Amino acid sequence: MHEAGLFVTCGTFTPGAVAEASAAGRTPIALVNGAQLVDLLMDHEIGVRATSRKTFIIDSESLMLERLETLMEEVEVPSADS
């Protein structure tokens, strides 16, 4: 019979816990931290659903000061006095 342990946390493990879990001559204990737990849930689609969503990143090379100034003129920005 093979014995092993498993501890799961939604946070992180202390260095002492990691050392204890991997100590030689003891029953091995696998540790799963919060980030690993989220990855496992997403990889196996447990309790999560994939959605289609656009992600935008700023392309600073394509931003031109002139275009931004034009946009600011087109948008009515309330003054601080309002």
N, C-alpha and C. Protein backbone atom coordinates (compact mmCIF):
# COMPACT_ATOMS: atom_id res chain seq x y z
N MET A 1 0.85 -1.18 0.00
CA MET A 1 0.00 0.00 0.00
C MET A 1 0.89 1.24 0.00
N HIS A 2 0.52 2.20 -0.85
CA HIS A 2 1.29 3.44 -0.96
C HIS A 2 0.53 4.55 -0.25
N GLU A 3 1.19 5.19 0.68
CA GLU A 3 0.56 6.29 1.42
C GLU A 3 1.07 7.62 0.89
N ALA A 4 0.17 8.58 0.81
CA ALA A 4 0.53 9.93 0.40
C ALA A 4 -0.51 10.88 0.97
N GLY A 5 -0.14 12.13 1.06
CA GLY A 5 -1.05 13.14 1.57
C GLY A 5 -1.24 14.25 0.56
N LEU A 6 -2.27 15.04 0.75
CA LEU A 6 -2.57 16.17 -0.12
C LEU A 6 -3.14 17.29 0.72
N PHE A 7 -2.53 18.46 0.62
CA PHE A 7 -3.05 19.67 1.26
C PHE A 7 -3.33 20.69 0.17
N VAL A 8 -4.51 21.28 0.22
CA VAL A 8 -4.92 22.29 -0.75
C VAL A 8 -5.25 23.56 0.02
N THR A 9 -4.77 24.69 -0.48
CA THR A 9 -5.09 25.98 0.12
C THR A 9 -5.46 26.97 -0.97
N CYS A 10 -6.23 27.96 -0.62
CA CYS A 10 -6.52 29.02 -1.59
C CYS A 10 -5.46 30.11 -1.51
N GLY A 11 -4.51 29.96 -0.62
CA GLY A 11 -3.42 30.93 -0.47
C GLY A 11 -2.10 30.32 -0.89
N THR A 12 -1.10 30.49 -0.05
CA THR A 12 0.23 29.94 -0.31
C THR A 12 0.70 29.18 0.92
N PHE A 13 1.75 28.40 0.73
CA PHE A 13 2.33 27.63 1.83
C PHE A 13 3.60 28.32 2.32
N THR A 14 3.83 28.23 3.61
CA THR A 14 5.06 28.81 4.17
C THR A 14 6.24 27.93 3.78
N PRO A 15 7.45 28.51 3.81
CA PRO A 15 8.64 27.69 3.52
C PRO A 15 8.74 26.47 4.45
N GLY A 16 8.33 26.62 5.71
CA GLY A 16 8.35 25.52 6.65
C GLY A 16 7.41 24.39 6.24
N ALA A 17 6.23 24.75 5.74
CA ALA A 17 5.27 23.75 5.29
C ALA A 17 5.80 23.00 4.07
N VAL A 18 6.43 23.74 3.16
CA VAL A 18 7.00 23.11 1.97
C VAL A 18 8.11 22.14 2.37
N ALA A 19 8.97 22.56 3.30
CA ALA A 19 10.06 21.70 3.77
C ALA A 19 9.51 20.45 4.45
N GLU A 20 8.51 20.62 5.28
CA GLU A 20 7.91 19.49 6.01
C GLU A 20 7.25 18.51 5.04
N ALA A 21 6.58 19.04 4.02
CA ALA A 21 5.88 18.18 3.06
C ALA A 21 6.84 17.34 2.23
N SER A 22 8.06 17.83 2.05
CA SER A 22 9.02 17.10 1.21
C SER A 22 10.15 16.47 2.02
N ALA A 23 9.98 16.37 3.33
CA ALA A 23 11.02 15.82 4.19
C ALA A 23 11.29 14.35 3.85
N ALA A 24 12.56 14.00 3.79
CA ALA A 24 12.97 12.64 3.46
C ALA A 24 12.54 11.68 4.57
N GLY A 25 12.18 10.47 4.18
CA GLY A 25 11.84 9.44 5.14
C GLY A 25 10.44 9.54 5.71
N ARG A 26 9.64 10.45 5.19
CA ARG A 26 8.26 10.62 5.67
C ARG A 26 7.28 10.35 4.54
N THR A 27 6.04 10.19 4.90
CA THR A 27 5.00 10.04 3.90
C THR A 27 4.96 11.30 3.04
N PRO A 28 5.04 11.15 1.72
CA PRO A 28 5.03 12.34 0.87
C PRO A 28 3.69 13.07 0.93
N ILE A 29 3.78 14.39 0.92
CA ILE A 29 2.58 15.22 0.95
C ILE A 29 2.65 16.17 -0.24
N ALA A 30 1.65 16.11 -1.10
CA ALA A 30 1.56 17.04 -2.23
C ALA A 30 0.88 18.31 -1.75
N LEU A 31 1.41 19.45 -2.17
CA LEU A 31 0.84 20.75 -1.80
C LEU A 31 0.29 21.42 -3.05
N VAL A 32 -0.93 21.91 -2.97
CA VAL A 32 -1.55 22.63 -4.08
C VAL A 32 -1.93 24.00 -3.55
N ASN A 33 -1.27 25.04 -4.07
CA ASN A 33 -1.58 26.40 -3.62
C ASN A 33 -2.74 26.99 -4.42
N GLY A 34 -3.15 28.17 -4.07
CA GLY A 34 -4.30 28.80 -4.71
C GLY A 34 -4.18 28.95 -6.21
N ALA A 35 -3.02 29.41 -6.70
CA ALA A 35 -2.83 29.59 -8.14
C ALA A 35 -2.89 28.26 -8.86
N GLN A 36 -2.28 27.24 -8.28
CA GLN A 36 -2.32 25.91 -8.89
C GLN A 36 -3.74 25.36 -8.90
N LEU A 37 -4.49 25.61 -7.83
CA LEU A 37 -5.87 25.15 -7.75
C LEU A 37 -6.71 25.79 -8.85
N VAL A 38 -6.57 27.09 -9.05
CA VAL A 38 -7.31 27.78 -10.11
C VAL A 38 -6.95 27.21 -11.46
N ASP A 39 -5.64 27.00 -11.71
CA ASP A 39 -5.21 26.42 -12.99
C ASP A 39 -5.83 25.04 -13.21
N LEU A 40 -5.83 24.20 -12.17
CA LEU A 40 -6.41 22.86 -12.29
C LEU A 40 -7.91 22.94 -12.60
N LEU A 41 -8.62 23.82 -11.90
CA LEU A 41 -10.06 23.96 -12.14
C LEU A 41 -10.33 24.42 -13.56
N MET A 42 -9.54 25.36 -14.06
CA MET A 42 -9.74 25.85 -15.43
C MET A 42 -9.35 24.78 -16.45
N ASP A 43 -8.22 24.11 -16.23
CA ASP A 43 -7.76 23.08 -17.17
C ASP A 43 -8.79 21.96 -17.32
N HIS A 44 -9.44 21.60 -16.23
CA HIS A 44 -10.41 20.50 -16.25
C HIS A 44 -11.85 20.97 -16.29
N GLU A 45 -12.04 22.29 -16.44
CA GLU A 45 -13.36 22.92 -16.53
C GLU A 45 -14.29 22.45 -15.41
N ILE A 46 -13.76 22.54 -14.19
CA ILE A 46 -14.54 22.19 -13.01
C ILE A 46 -14.98 23.48 -12.33
N GLY A 47 -16.28 23.71 -12.28
CA GLY A 47 -16.80 24.89 -11.62
C GLY A 47 -16.56 26.19 -12.35
N VAL A 48 -16.12 26.10 -13.61
CA VAL A 48 -15.88 27.30 -14.42
C VAL A 48 -16.48 27.09 -15.80
N ARG A 49 -16.71 28.18 -16.49
CA ARG A 49 -17.24 28.15 -17.84
C ARG A 49 -16.42 29.10 -18.69
N ALA A 50 -16.02 28.65 -19.87
CA ALA A 50 -15.28 29.52 -20.78
C ALA A 50 -16.25 30.49 -21.43
N THR A 51 -15.85 31.72 -21.59
CA THR A 51 -16.65 32.72 -22.29
C THR A 51 -15.81 33.34 -23.39
N SER A 52 -16.48 33.89 -24.36
CA SER A 52 -15.74 34.60 -25.40
C SER A 52 -15.75 36.08 -25.02
N ARG A 53 -14.58 36.60 -24.86
CA ARG A 53 -14.46 38.00 -24.45
C ARG A 53 -13.25 38.58 -25.13
N LYS A 54 -13.41 39.76 -25.66
CA LYS A 54 -12.28 40.43 -26.29
C LYS A 54 -11.38 41.03 -25.23
N THR A 55 -10.10 40.90 -25.44
CA THR A 55 -9.13 41.52 -24.56
C THR A 55 -8.39 42.57 -25.36
N PHE A 56 -8.31 43.77 -24.82
CA PHE A 56 -7.63 44.86 -25.52
C PHE A 56 -6.34 45.19 -24.80
N ILE A 57 -5.31 45.45 -25.59
CA ILE A 57 -4.05 45.93 -25.04
C ILE A 57 -3.74 47.26 -25.71
N ILE A 58 -3.02 48.10 -25.02
CA ILE A 58 -2.67 49.42 -25.57
C ILE A 58 -1.49 49.27 -26.51
N ASP A 59 -1.66 49.77 -27.72
CA ASP A 59 -0.60 49.79 -28.72
C ASP A 59 -0.07 51.21 -28.77
N SER A 60 0.90 51.50 -27.92
CA SER A 60 1.39 52.87 -27.76
C SER A 60 2.00 53.43 -29.04
N GLU A 61 2.52 52.57 -29.90
CA GLU A 61 3.11 53.06 -31.15
C GLU A 61 2.05 53.62 -32.09
N SER A 62 0.84 53.09 -32.02
CA SER A 62 -0.20 53.56 -32.92
C SER A 62 -0.97 54.75 -32.36
N LEU A 63 -0.76 55.08 -31.10
CA LEU A 63 -1.42 56.24 -30.52
C LEU A 63 -0.67 57.51 -30.95
N MET A 64 -1.40 58.41 -31.52
CA MET A 64 -0.78 59.66 -31.95
C MET A 64 -1.40 60.81 -31.16
N LEU A 65 -0.59 61.72 -30.72
CA LEU A 65 -1.06 62.85 -29.92
C LEU A 65 -2.14 63.63 -30.66
N GLU A 66 -1.97 63.82 -31.98
CA GLU A 66 -2.96 64.56 -32.76
C GLU A 66 -4.33 63.89 -32.68
N ARG A 67 -4.36 62.58 -32.81
CA ARG A 67 -5.63 61.85 -32.78
C ARG A 67 -6.28 61.96 -31.40
N LEU A 68 -5.47 61.89 -30.35
CA LEU A 68 -6.01 62.02 -29.00
C LEU A 68 -6.58 63.42 -28.78
N GLU A 69 -5.89 64.44 -29.28
CA GLU A 69 -6.40 65.81 -29.14
C GLU A 69 -7.71 65.96 -29.88
N THR A 70 -7.82 65.36 -31.07
CA THR A 70 -9.06 65.42 -31.84
C THR A 70 -10.19 64.74 -31.08
N LEU A 71 -9.90 63.60 -30.49
CA LEU A 71 -10.92 62.89 -29.71
C LEU A 71 -11.38 63.73 -28.53
N MET A 72 -10.45 64.39 -27.87
CA MET A 72 -10.80 65.21 -26.72
C MET A 72 -11.69 66.37 -27.14
N GLU A 73 -11.48 66.91 -28.33
CA GLU A 73 -12.33 67.99 -28.84
C GLU A 73 -13.74 67.49 -29.13
N GLU A 74 -13.84 66.22 -29.58
CA GLU A 74 -15.13 65.65 -29.93
C GLU A 74 -15.95 65.26 -28.69
N VAL A 75 -15.27 64.97 -27.60
CA VAL A 75 -15.94 64.55 -26.37
C VAL A 75 -16.15 65.74 -25.48
N GLU A 76 -17.38 65.91 -25.00
CA GLU A 76 -17.67 66.99 -24.10
C GLU A 76 -17.23 66.60 -22.71
N VAL A 77 -16.23 67.28 -22.20
CA VAL A 77 -15.70 67.00 -20.88
C VAL A 77 -16.21 68.07 -19.93
N PRO A 78 -16.94 67.70 -18.88
CA PRO A 78 -17.44 68.71 -17.95
C PRO A 78 -16.30 69.42 -17.25
N SER A 79 -16.48 70.71 -17.03
CA SER A 79 -15.45 71.46 -16.34
C SER A 79 -15.53 71.20 -14.84
N ALA A 80 -14.47 71.55 -14.14
CA ALA A 80 -14.43 71.33 -12.69
C ALA A 80 -15.45 72.22 -11.98
N ASP A 81 -15.86 73.32 -12.62
CA ASP A 81 -16.83 74.24 -12.02
C ASP A 81 -18.26 73.71 -12.05
N SER A 82 -18.55 72.70 -12.91
CA SER A 82 -19.92 72.19 -13.07
C SER A 82 -20.36 71.39 -11.88
